[in-house]
C-alpha cells in the first residue's frame, strides 16, 4: 500500500473536514427509528429514508422546541441542514436546522389550523346545530352523479321509507374545482326547501377528501337554512364539513338511514306512545274512582249533619218570645198606658177617659194584629220544619228504610257489592245494628 498508514482519528478528521466543505441541503423523506427527546440533552434522533436509501438525522434541542407538531415514525417531512461526522463513532449525520411536514402531514396541519379558527368563531358549537326532523318527507342529495354513492343512498331511502321524496343537486367531490361546485350544489339544494340536505361521498385518501376541508364549504354549510347531514368517506375520516354539519354519519348509507326511519320503527314508536297514554288514562281514572267513592261515603253523614243543624235553628226560633207569646208587646204597652192614666187621672179626667177609650181600641187592634202575625209566622215555620223533615234521611229511616255501610264506612248500594260472612252496619230510624251477610239474593 502506498504511503505510511495513518490512525483512525486522522482519517475521520480528514472526512469531517471534507464534509464540512459541503453546502447546506434541503431533503425530503420519511421518519423512522425515532428516539427522543433525550432525557438529559433534549436532542432528537431518527433516520430519514426513501425507497432505497437512509441517513442519520440529529435535531438539536433548540430546534425541536420550536416545532408546532410532534415528530413520529411514518411522518413525511422536509428538513434543511448540513452533513457532519460524529468523530467518536465515525458516523455521518445530517444536522437539522429546520424541519416541517410535507405531503399528508402538511395537509393535516393546515386543516387543524382551519378547524381551530372556525371553532373559535362558533361554527362547530352544539347550540349552532339545527334540529333535524325525525321523519323527513323530502331530502336533497348533494353528491357526484358518477360512482355508486348516489345509487346506494337512493336504494337505502327506498328500502327504509319509499314515501321520502329525493331532489338531486350534482357536484364534483374531488379536485381543485370541487369546493366551488359543492357550494353551488348546496345553494341549489337549499332553494328546493327540503327537510334536510344529505352531503355525501365515498371513501378515499386524505388528499381525496380535501374538498370537504375547504373553508368555503364549511361556511356554506353553516349558513344554510336547511339542516345538513354529512356522510363523507369511511368511519375514521372526519372532515371540517363533518364538524360544522348538523349531524355527522360515518358513511353515506348511514346518513340516508338517519333521515328515513323504517316503517317498523315508526309503528313501534306509535305503539309505545299508545301504551303509555293508555296506562296514564287508566291511572287517572282509578284516581277519580277512589275520589268519587270517598265523596259518596261522606255524603250521607254530611246531609244528616246539615239537617240536624237546620232543625236546631228552627227549634231555637220556636223558643223565642215573639212566637211563644205574640201579645207580649201589646201587654207591655197597655201597662205603660195604665201607668200614664194613673198619673193623669187627677188633672184631666175627661181627657184621660177619651184617651183611654182611644188607646184601648188601638190596643185591641194591635193585639189582634200581633196574634195574626204570630199565627202566620208559626204556620210558616211549621211548614219549613215539615219540608226539612220530609227531606231528612232520618225521616226516611223512620218509615222503615235503612242505610247499610261496610266496615270502612262506605254505603252499600247493591247486593253484589257484599260477600258471604261480611260484617255490615245498618242505620235505622232510632239507632243502628251490626249484621253479618249469610245469604245474597238476586233481588227477585
Protein backbone atom coordinates (compact mmCIF):
# COMPACT_ATOMS: atom_id res chain seq x y z
CA UNK A 1 0.00 0.00 0.00
CA UNK A 2 1.48 3.38 -0.96
CA UNK A 3 2.44 5.81 1.80
CA UNK A 4 2.62 5.42 5.54
CA UNK A 5 -0.55 4.25 7.37
CA UNK A 6 -2.47 6.85 9.46
CA UNK A 7 -4.65 6.49 12.51
CA UNK A 8 -8.41 6.22 12.59
CA UNK A 9 -8.63 9.58 14.28
CA UNK A 10 -6.64 11.15 11.47
CA UNK A 11 -8.78 9.67 8.71
CA UNK A 12 -12.04 10.56 10.48
CA UNK A 13 -10.71 14.10 10.86
CA UNK A 14 -9.96 14.24 7.11
CA UNK A 15 -13.54 13.05 6.37
CA UNK A 16 -15.01 15.56 8.84
CA UNK A 17 -13.14 18.43 7.20
CA UNK A 18 -14.24 17.25 3.76
CA UNK A 19 -17.89 17.02 4.83
CA UNK A 20 -17.72 20.45 6.39
CA UNK A 21 -16.95 21.81 2.96
CA UNK A 22 -20.28 20.56 1.57
CA UNK A 23 -23.17 23.10 1.19
CA UNK A 24 -26.47 23.01 3.09
CA UNK A 25 -29.16 20.72 1.68
CA UNK A 26 -32.98 20.50 1.78
CA UNK A 27 -34.03 16.87 1.93
CA UNK A 28 -37.48 15.16 1.86
CA UNK A 29 -38.10 11.71 3.33
CA UNK A 30 -39.99 9.56 5.85
CA UNK A 31 -39.09 9.42 9.54
CA UNK A 32 -38.24 6.02 11.08
CA UNK A 33 -36.49 4.75 14.23
CA UNK A 34 -37.35 7.97 16.08
CA UNK A 35 -35.77 8.46 19.54
CA UNK A 36 -36.10 11.46 21.77
CA UNK A 37 -36.13 13.91 23.17
CA UNK A 38 -33.15 12.66 25.17
CA UNK A 39 -33.94 12.99 28.87
CA UNK A 40 -30.65 14.84 29.54
CA UNK A 41 -29.79 16.73 26.38
CA UNK A 42 -33.25 17.20 24.87
CA UNK A 43 -31.93 16.31 21.38
CA UNK A 44 -33.91 14.09 18.97
CA UNK A 45 -32.55 11.37 16.69
CA UNK A 46 -34.13 9.50 13.79
CA UNK A 47 -33.44 8.09 10.35
CA UNK A 48 -34.75 9.74 7.18
CA UNK A 49 -35.41 7.30 4.36
CA UNK A 50 -36.86 6.89 0.90
CA UNK A 51 -37.33 3.80 -1.28
CA UNK A 52 -33.60 2.95 -1.49
CA UNK A 53 -31.53 4.95 1.00
CA UNK A 54 -31.40 6.04 4.64
CA UNK A 55 -29.40 8.60 6.59
CA UNK A 56 -28.99 9.50 10.25
CA UNK A 57 -30.53 12.79 11.39
CA UNK A 58 -29.99 14.84 14.54
CA UNK A 59 -32.34 17.58 15.73
CA UNK A 60 -30.82 19.75 18.44
CA UNK A 61 -32.99 20.69 21.42
CA UNK A 62 -33.15 24.35 20.36
CA UNK A 63 -34.70 23.33 17.02
CA UNK A 64 -37.03 20.68 18.50
CA UNK A 65 -38.54 23.16 20.98
CA UNK A 66 -39.69 25.46 18.15
CA UNK A 67 -41.74 22.76 16.37
CA UNK A 68 -45.55 23.00 16.40
CA UNK A 69 -46.08 19.33 15.58
CA UNK A 70 -44.99 16.02 17.04
CA UNK A 71 -42.11 14.14 15.40
CA UNK A 72 -43.03 10.48 14.98
CA UNK A 73 -42.35 7.48 12.77
CA UNK A 74 -44.05 7.44 9.38
CA UNK A 75 -44.30 11.20 9.14
CA UNK A 76 -43.15 12.72 5.83
CA UNK A 77 -41.00 15.79 6.43
CA UNK A 78 -38.78 18.27 4.66
CA UNK A 79 -35.55 19.01 6.56
CA UNK A 80 -32.80 21.56 5.91
CA UNK A 81 -29.31 21.28 7.35
CA UNK A 82 -25.68 20.22 6.92
CA UNK A 83 -23.73 16.98 7.00
CA UNK A 84 -21.29 16.34 9.81
CA UNK A 85 -19.18 13.42 11.04
CA UNK A 86 -19.51 12.27 14.63
CA UNK A 87 -15.83 11.56 15.35
CA UNK A 88 -16.17 9.13 18.31
CA UNK A 89 -18.13 6.73 16.11
CA UNK A 90 -17.08 7.87 12.67
CA UNK A 91 -20.76 8.26 11.78
CA UNK A 92 -22.08 10.56 9.10
CA UNK A 93 -25.02 12.61 10.46
CA UNK A 94 -27.32 15.23 8.97
CA UNK A 95 -27.69 18.10 11.45
CA UNK A 96 -31.14 19.72 11.04
CA UNK A 97 -31.57 23.48 11.25
CA UNK A 98 -35.31 23.47 10.26
CA UNK A 99 -37.99 20.83 9.79
CA UNK A 100 -41.57 20.91 8.53
CA UNK A 101 -44.18 18.39 7.48
CA UNK A 102 -44.79 17.51 3.87
CA UNK A 103 -47.48 15.58 1.98
CA UNK A 104 -50.41 14.45 4.12
CA UNK A 105 -48.79 15.73 7.28
CA UNK A 106 -48.68 19.26 5.93
CA UNK A 107 -52.30 18.97 4.85
CA UNK A 108 -53.38 17.76 8.26
CA UNK A 109 -51.57 20.64 9.90
CA UNK A 110 -53.30 23.12 7.63
CA UNK A 111 -56.71 21.53 8.24
CA UNK A 112 -56.17 21.52 12.01
CA UNK A 113 -55.40 25.23 11.98
CA UNK A 114 -58.55 25.98 9.96
CA UNK A 115 -60.69 23.82 12.24
CA UNK A 116 -59.37 25.66 15.30
CA UNK A 117 -60.18 29.04 13.75
CA UNK A 118 -63.72 28.04 12.72
CA UNK A 119 -64.38 26.50 16.12
CA UNK A 120 -63.36 29.79 17.76
CA UNK A 121 -65.99 31.53 15.61
CA UNK A 122 -68.67 29.15 16.94
CA UNK A 123 -69.37 27.30 13.67
CA UNK A 124 -68.96 23.91 15.40
CA UNK A 125 -70.79 24.72 18.66
CA UNK A 126 -73.67 22.49 19.73
CA UNK A 127 -76.00 25.48 20.02
CA UNK A 128 -75.39 26.25 16.35
CA UNK A 129 -76.70 22.83 15.27
CA UNK A 130 -80.14 22.93 13.62
CA UNK A 131 -82.74 20.30 14.61
CA UNK A 132 -83.39 17.57 12.06
CA UNK A 133 -86.93 16.14 11.76
CA UNK A 134 -87.27 12.54 12.91
CA UNK A 135 -89.31 11.78 9.80
CA UNK A 136 -88.12 13.64 6.73
CA UNK A 137 -90.68 13.69 3.94
CA UNK A 138 -88.28 15.29 1.45
CA UNK A 139 -84.48 15.36 1.27
CA UNK A 140 -81.95 16.89 -1.13
CA UNK A 141 -78.96 14.74 -2.13
CA UNK A 142 -75.71 16.62 -2.82
CA UNK A 143 -73.07 14.33 -4.35
CA UNK A 144 -71.43 13.27 -7.58
CA UNK A 145 -73.65 11.68 -10.22
CA UNK A 146 -70.88 9.21 -11.04
CA UNK A 147 -69.92 6.31 -8.83
CA UNK A 148 -72.01 4.09 -6.59
CA UNK A 149 -72.68 6.52 -3.73
CA UNK A 150 -75.75 8.07 -5.32
CA UNK A 151 -77.28 4.67 -6.07
CA UNK A 152 -76.50 3.38 -2.56
CA UNK A 153 -78.25 6.35 -0.95
CA UNK A 154 -81.32 6.10 -3.20
CA UNK A 155 -81.64 2.35 -2.55
CA UNK A 156 -81.37 2.91 1.19
CA UNK A 157 -84.06 5.60 1.20
CA UNK A 158 -86.39 3.46 -0.95
CA UNK A 159 -85.89 0.46 1.32
CA UNK A 160 -86.32 2.32 4.58
CA UNK A 161 -89.23 4.52 3.54
CA UNK A 162 -90.42 4.71 -0.07
CA UNK A 163 -92.53 7.78 0.73
CA UNK A 164 -89.44 10.02 1.06
CA UNK A 165 -89.03 12.35 -1.93
CA UNK A 166 -85.46 12.97 -3.16
CA UNK A 167 -84.11 16.04 -5.01
CA UNK A 168 -80.68 15.78 -6.69
CA UNK A 169 -78.00 18.51 -6.69
CA UNK A 170 -74.93 17.22 -8.53
CA UNK A 171 -71.39 18.43 -7.76
CA UNK A 172 -67.73 17.48 -8.01
CA UNK A 173 -66.39 15.86 -4.86
CA UNK A 174 -62.66 15.80 -5.60
CA UNK A 175 -60.09 18.14 -7.12
CA UNK A 176 -59.35 21.85 -7.05
CA UNK A 177 -62.75 22.78 -8.57
CA UNK A 178 -64.73 20.66 -6.10
CA UNK A 179 -65.17 23.22 -3.25
CA UNK A 180 -66.85 25.79 -5.51
CA UNK A 181 -69.00 23.04 -7.07
CA UNK A 182 -70.13 21.82 -3.64
CA UNK A 183 -71.02 25.37 -2.54
CA UNK A 184 -73.20 25.84 -5.66
CA UNK A 185 -74.92 22.48 -5.14
CA UNK A 186 -75.68 23.33 -1.50
CA UNK A 187 -77.30 26.57 -2.64
CA UNK A 188 -79.46 24.71 -5.19
CA UNK A 189 -80.47 22.12 -2.58
CA UNK A 190 -81.38 24.80 -0.01
CA UNK A 191 -83.55 26.66 -2.54
CA UNK A 192 -85.62 23.48 -3.09
CA UNK A 193 -86.82 23.68 0.52
CA UNK A 194 -86.28 20.08 1.70
CA UNK A 195 -86.46 18.87 5.30
CA UNK A 196 -82.74 18.04 5.24
CA UNK A 197 -79.71 18.03 2.91
CA UNK A 198 -77.51 14.92 2.53
CA UNK A 199 -73.91 15.88 1.65
CA UNK A 200 -72.12 12.58 0.88
CA UNK A 201 -69.21 10.98 -0.96
CA UNK A 202 -67.38 7.65 -0.85
CA UNK A 203 -64.05 6.87 0.77
CA UNK A 204 -60.60 7.90 -0.42
CA UNK A 205 -57.22 9.12 0.74
CA UNK A 206 -56.82 12.17 2.93
CA UNK A 207 -55.90 14.21 -0.14
CA UNK A 208 -59.06 12.97 -1.92
CA UNK A 209 -61.23 14.37 0.87
CA UNK A 210 -59.62 17.82 0.96
CA UNK A 211 -62.58 19.45 -0.83
CA UNK A 212 -64.59 18.84 2.37
CA UNK A 213 -61.89 20.54 4.44
CA UNK A 214 -62.28 23.75 2.46
CA UNK A 215 -63.31 26.92 4.32
CA UNK A 216 -65.84 27.88 1.62
CA UNK A 217 -67.68 24.59 2.02
CA UNK A 218 -67.66 24.89 5.83
CA UNK A 219 -69.17 28.39 5.74
CA UNK A 220 -71.80 27.35 3.18
CA UNK A 221 -72.92 24.53 5.47
CA UNK A 222 -73.04 26.85 8.49
CA UNK A 223 -75.06 29.48 6.57
CA UNK A 224 -77.65 27.01 5.22
CA UNK A 225 -81.21 27.48 6.48
CA UNK A 226 -81.81 23.75 5.94
CA UNK A 227 -80.11 21.25 8.31
CA UNK A 228 -77.19 19.39 6.70
CA UNK A 229 -76.32 15.72 7.32
CA UNK A 230 -72.90 14.53 6.16
CA UNK A 231 -71.68 11.05 5.24
CA UNK A 232 -68.14 11.52 3.91
CA UNK A 233 -65.64 8.73 3.41
CA UNK A 234 -65.50 5.91 5.93
CA UNK A 235 -65.53 5.54 9.72
CA UNK A 236 -62.09 7.04 10.59
CA UNK A 237 -62.43 10.00 8.23
CA UNK A 238 -63.59 13.26 9.87
CA UNK A 239 -63.55 16.44 7.80
CA UNK A 240 -64.27 20.05 8.68
CA UNK A 241 -67.58 19.68 6.82
CA UNK A 242 -68.50 16.91 9.29
CA UNK A 243 -67.63 19.15 12.25
CA UNK A 244 -69.79 22.04 11.01
CA UNK A 245 -72.72 19.90 9.83
CA UNK A 246 -75.82 19.49 11.98
CA UNK A 247 -75.34 15.72 12.03
CA UNK A 248 -72.31 13.63 11.04
CA UNK A 249 -72.65 9.97 9.98
CA UNK A 250 -69.75 7.66 9.24
CA UNK A 251 -70.88 6.63 5.71
CA UNK A 252 -73.33 7.80 3.02
CA UNK A 253 -75.60 4.82 3.79
CA UNK A 254 -75.70 5.69 7.48
CA UNK A 255 -76.55 9.31 6.60
CA UNK A 256 -79.51 8.13 4.49
CA UNK A 257 -80.74 5.82 7.25
CA UNK A 258 -80.63 8.64 9.82
CA UNK A 259 -83.19 10.79 7.94
CA UNK A 260 -85.54 7.94 6.94
CA UNK A 261 -86.71 5.84 9.90
CA UNK A 262 -88.08 2.48 8.77
CA UNK A 263 -91.81 1.79 8.91
CA UNK A 264 -91.23 -0.81 11.64
CA UNK A 265 -89.55 1.84 13.82
CA UNK A 266 -92.45 4.23 13.29
CA UNK A 267 -95.02 1.55 14.16
CA UNK A 268 -93.08 0.60 17.30
CA UNK A 269 -92.86 4.26 18.33
CA UNK A 270 -96.61 4.79 17.82
CA UNK A 271 -97.46 1.57 19.72
CA UNK A 272 -95.22 2.64 22.59
CA UNK A 273 -96.88 6.04 22.85
CA UNK A 274 -100.35 4.46 22.70
CA UNK A 275 -99.45 2.09 25.55
CA UNK A 276 -98.11 4.95 27.66
CA UNK A 277 -101.26 7.02 27.01
CA UNK A 278 -103.49 4.05 27.93
CA UNK A 279 -101.61 3.44 31.16
CA UNK A 280 -101.81 7.13 32.10
CA UNK A 281 -105.55 7.25 31.35
CA UNK A 282 -106.15 4.13 33.47
CA UNK A 283 -104.15 5.63 36.34
CA UNK A 284 -106.14 8.86 36.25
CA UNK A 285 -109.49 7.03 36.06
CA UNK A 286 -108.52 4.91 39.04
CA UNK A 287 -107.71 8.04 40.99
CA UNK A 288 -111.08 9.60 40.08
CA UNK A 289 -112.90 6.40 41.10
CA UNK A 290 -111.24 6.48 44.53
CA UNK A 291 -112.20 10.15 44.91
CA UNK A 292 -115.83 9.50 43.94
CA UNK A 293 -116.07 6.56 46.36
CA UNK A 294 -114.74 8.74 49.14
CA UNK A 295 -117.23 11.53 48.41
CA UNK A 296 -120.09 9.00 48.21
CA UNK A 297 -119.26 7.72 51.66
CA UNK A 298 -119.12 11.24 53.12
CA UNK A 299 -122.39 12.49 51.55
CA UNK A 300 -124.98 10.78 53.86
CA UNK A 301 -123.16 11.87 57.01
CA UNK A 302 -122.84 15.44 55.71
CA UNK A 303 -126.55 15.56 54.82
CA UNK A 304 -127.54 14.30 58.26
CA UNK A 305 -125.37 16.93 59.94
CA UNK A 306 -126.90 19.70 57.78
CA UNK A 307 -130.49 18.65 58.59
CA UNK A 308 -129.74 18.41 62.30
CA UNK A 309 -128.27 21.92 62.21
CA UNK A 310 -131.37 23.29 60.46
CA UNK A 311 -133.58 21.53 62.99
CA UNK A 312 -131.68 23.15 65.88
CA UNK A 313 -132.06 26.58 64.27
CA UNK A 314 -135.82 26.10 63.87
CA UNK A 315 -136.08 24.85 67.45
CA UNK A 316 -134.33 27.96 68.69
CA UNK A 317 -136.71 30.17 66.68
CA UNK A 318 -139.75 28.37 68.13
CA UNK A 319 -138.48 29.14 71.64
CA UNK A 320 -138.25 32.91 71.07
CA UNK A 321 -140.80 35.09 72.96
CA UNK A 322 -142.48 36.61 69.86
CA UNK A 323 -143.53 33.13 68.72
CA UNK A 324 -144.37 31.78 72.20
CA UNK A 325 -146.37 34.88 73.28
CA UNK A 326 -147.09 37.17 70.32
CA UNK A 327 -149.19 39.51 72.53
CA UNK A 328 -146.44 40.39 74.98
CA UNK A 329 -145.64 43.58 73.11
CA UNK A 330 -149.23 44.89 73.41
CA UNK A 331 -149.45 43.85 77.08
CA UNK A 332 -146.35 45.85 77.91
CA UNK A 333 -147.80 48.80 76.03
CA UNK A 334 -151.09 48.55 77.95
CA UNK A 335 -149.20 48.54 81.23
CA UNK A 336 -147.38 51.70 80.21
CA UNK A 337 -150.67 53.33 79.24
CA UNK A 338 -152.30 52.36 82.53
CA UNK A 339 -149.42 53.92 84.44
CA UNK A 340 -149.74 57.11 82.40
CA UNK A 341 -153.52 57.08 83.03
CA UNK A 342 -153.00 56.91 86.75
CA UNK A 343 -150.59 59.87 86.62
CA UNK A 344 -153.00 61.97 84.58
CA UNK A 345 -156.29 60.89 86.28
CA UNK A 346 -156.38 63.81 88.70
CA UNK A 347 -155.52 66.55 86.20
CA UNK A 348 -157.52 65.65 83.10
CA UNK A 349 -160.18 63.11 83.97
CA UNK A 350 -162.32 63.64 80.90
CA UNK A 351 -159.44 63.88 78.50
CA UNK A 352 -157.92 60.80 80.01
CA UNK A 353 -161.18 58.93 79.66
CA UNK A 354 -161.35 59.79 75.97
CA UNK A 355 -157.68 58.98 75.52
CA UNK A 356 -158.20 55.72 77.34
CA UNK A 357 -161.03 54.71 75.11
CA UNK A 358 -158.94 55.55 72.04
CA UNK A 359 -155.92 53.66 73.38
CA UNK A 360 -158.00 50.66 74.37
CA UNK A 361 -159.32 50.49 70.82
CA UNK A 362 -155.79 50.71 69.48
CA UNK A 363 -154.65 48.08 71.96
CA UNK A 364 -157.38 45.71 70.86
CA UNK A 365 -156.45 46.25 67.20
CA UNK A 366 -152.74 45.83 67.95
CA UNK A 367 -153.37 42.67 69.93
CA UNK A 368 -155.46 41.15 67.16
CA UNK A 369 -152.86 42.12 64.55
CA UNK A 370 -150.00 40.68 66.62
CA UNK A 371 -151.88 37.43 67.10
CA UNK A 372 -152.50 37.19 63.35
CA UNK A 373 -148.83 37.87 62.56
CA UNK A 374 -147.64 35.39 65.17
CA UNK A 375 -150.04 32.73 63.95
CA UNK A 376 -148.94 33.26 60.30
CA UNK A 377 -145.24 33.02 61.21
CA UNK A 378 -145.87 29.93 63.32
CA UNK A 379 -147.60 28.22 60.36
CA UNK A 380 -144.72 29.23 58.03
CA UNK A 381 -142.07 27.86 60.37
CA UNK A 382 -144.02 24.67 60.87
CA UNK A 383 -144.20 24.30 57.07
CA UNK A 384 -140.46 24.76 56.74
CA UNK A 385 -139.86 22.26 59.50
CA UNK A 386 -142.17 19.77 57.80
CA UNK A 387 -140.32 20.27 54.48
CA UNK A 388 -136.94 19.71 56.10
CA UNK A 389 -138.31 16.71 57.94
CA UNK A 390 -139.51 15.25 54.63
CA UNK A 391 -136.03 15.70 53.09
CA UNK A 392 -134.21 14.20 56.06
CA UNK A 393 -132.72 10.72 55.59
CA UNK A 394 -133.66 10.20 59.23
CA UNK A 395 -137.33 10.65 58.30
CA UNK A 396 -136.92 8.07 55.57
CA UNK A 397 -135.31 5.77 58.12
CA UNK A 398 -138.29 6.39 60.38
CA UNK A 399 -140.59 4.98 57.70
CA UNK A 400 -138.83 1.64 57.79
CA UNK A 401 -135.87 2.21 55.44
CA UNK A 402 -132.23 1.69 56.39
CA UNK A 403 -128.69 2.75 55.30
CA UNK A 404 -126.19 -0.11 55.04
CA UNK A 405 -122.43 0.54 55.36
CA UNK A 406 -119.43 -1.78 55.15
CA UNK A 407 -116.61 -1.91 57.69
CA UNK A 408 -114.90 1.06 56.01
CA UNK A 409 -117.99 3.29 56.31
CA UNK A 410 -118.84 3.17 52.60
CA UNK A 411 -122.54 2.91 51.67
CA UNK A 412 -123.54 -0.48 50.22
CA UNK A 413 -125.96 0.19 47.35
CA UNK A 414 -126.10 -3.25 45.67
CA UNK A 415 -126.26 -6.80 46.94
CA UNK A 416 -123.48 -7.67 44.53
CA UNK A 417 -121.14 -5.35 46.49
CA UNK A 418 -121.25 -7.72 49.54
CA UNK A 419 -119.73 -11.10 50.30
CA UNK A 420 -120.81 -14.00 52.50
CA UNK A 421 -119.59 -13.55 56.04
CA UNK A 422 -119.00 -9.81 55.58
CA UNK A 423 -119.75 -7.57 58.58
CA UNK A 424 -122.14 -4.69 57.88
CA UNK A 425 -123.64 -1.80 59.89
CA UNK A 426 -127.36 -0.96 59.39
CA UNK A 427 -128.55 2.57 60.33
CA UNK A 428 -132.31 2.65 61.34
CA UNK A 429 -134.57 5.48 62.37
CA UNK A 430 -133.82 5.15 66.09
CA UNK A 431 -130.32 3.64 66.08
CA UNK A 432 -128.05 1.14 64.32
CA UNK A 433 -127.39 -2.62 64.37
CA UNK A 434 -124.40 -4.72 63.22
CA UNK A 435 -125.16 -7.73 60.98
CA UNK A 436 -123.30 -10.49 59.10
CA UNK A 437 -124.11 -11.49 55.49
CA UNK A 438 -125.35 -15.09 55.50
CA UNK A 439 -127.02 -15.13 52.06
CA UNK A 440 -127.05 -12.96 48.94
CA UNK A 441 -130.21 -12.81 46.79
CA UNK A 442 -130.71 -11.56 43.25
CA UNK A 443 -133.45 -9.05 44.11
CA UNK A 444 -136.48 -11.17 42.97
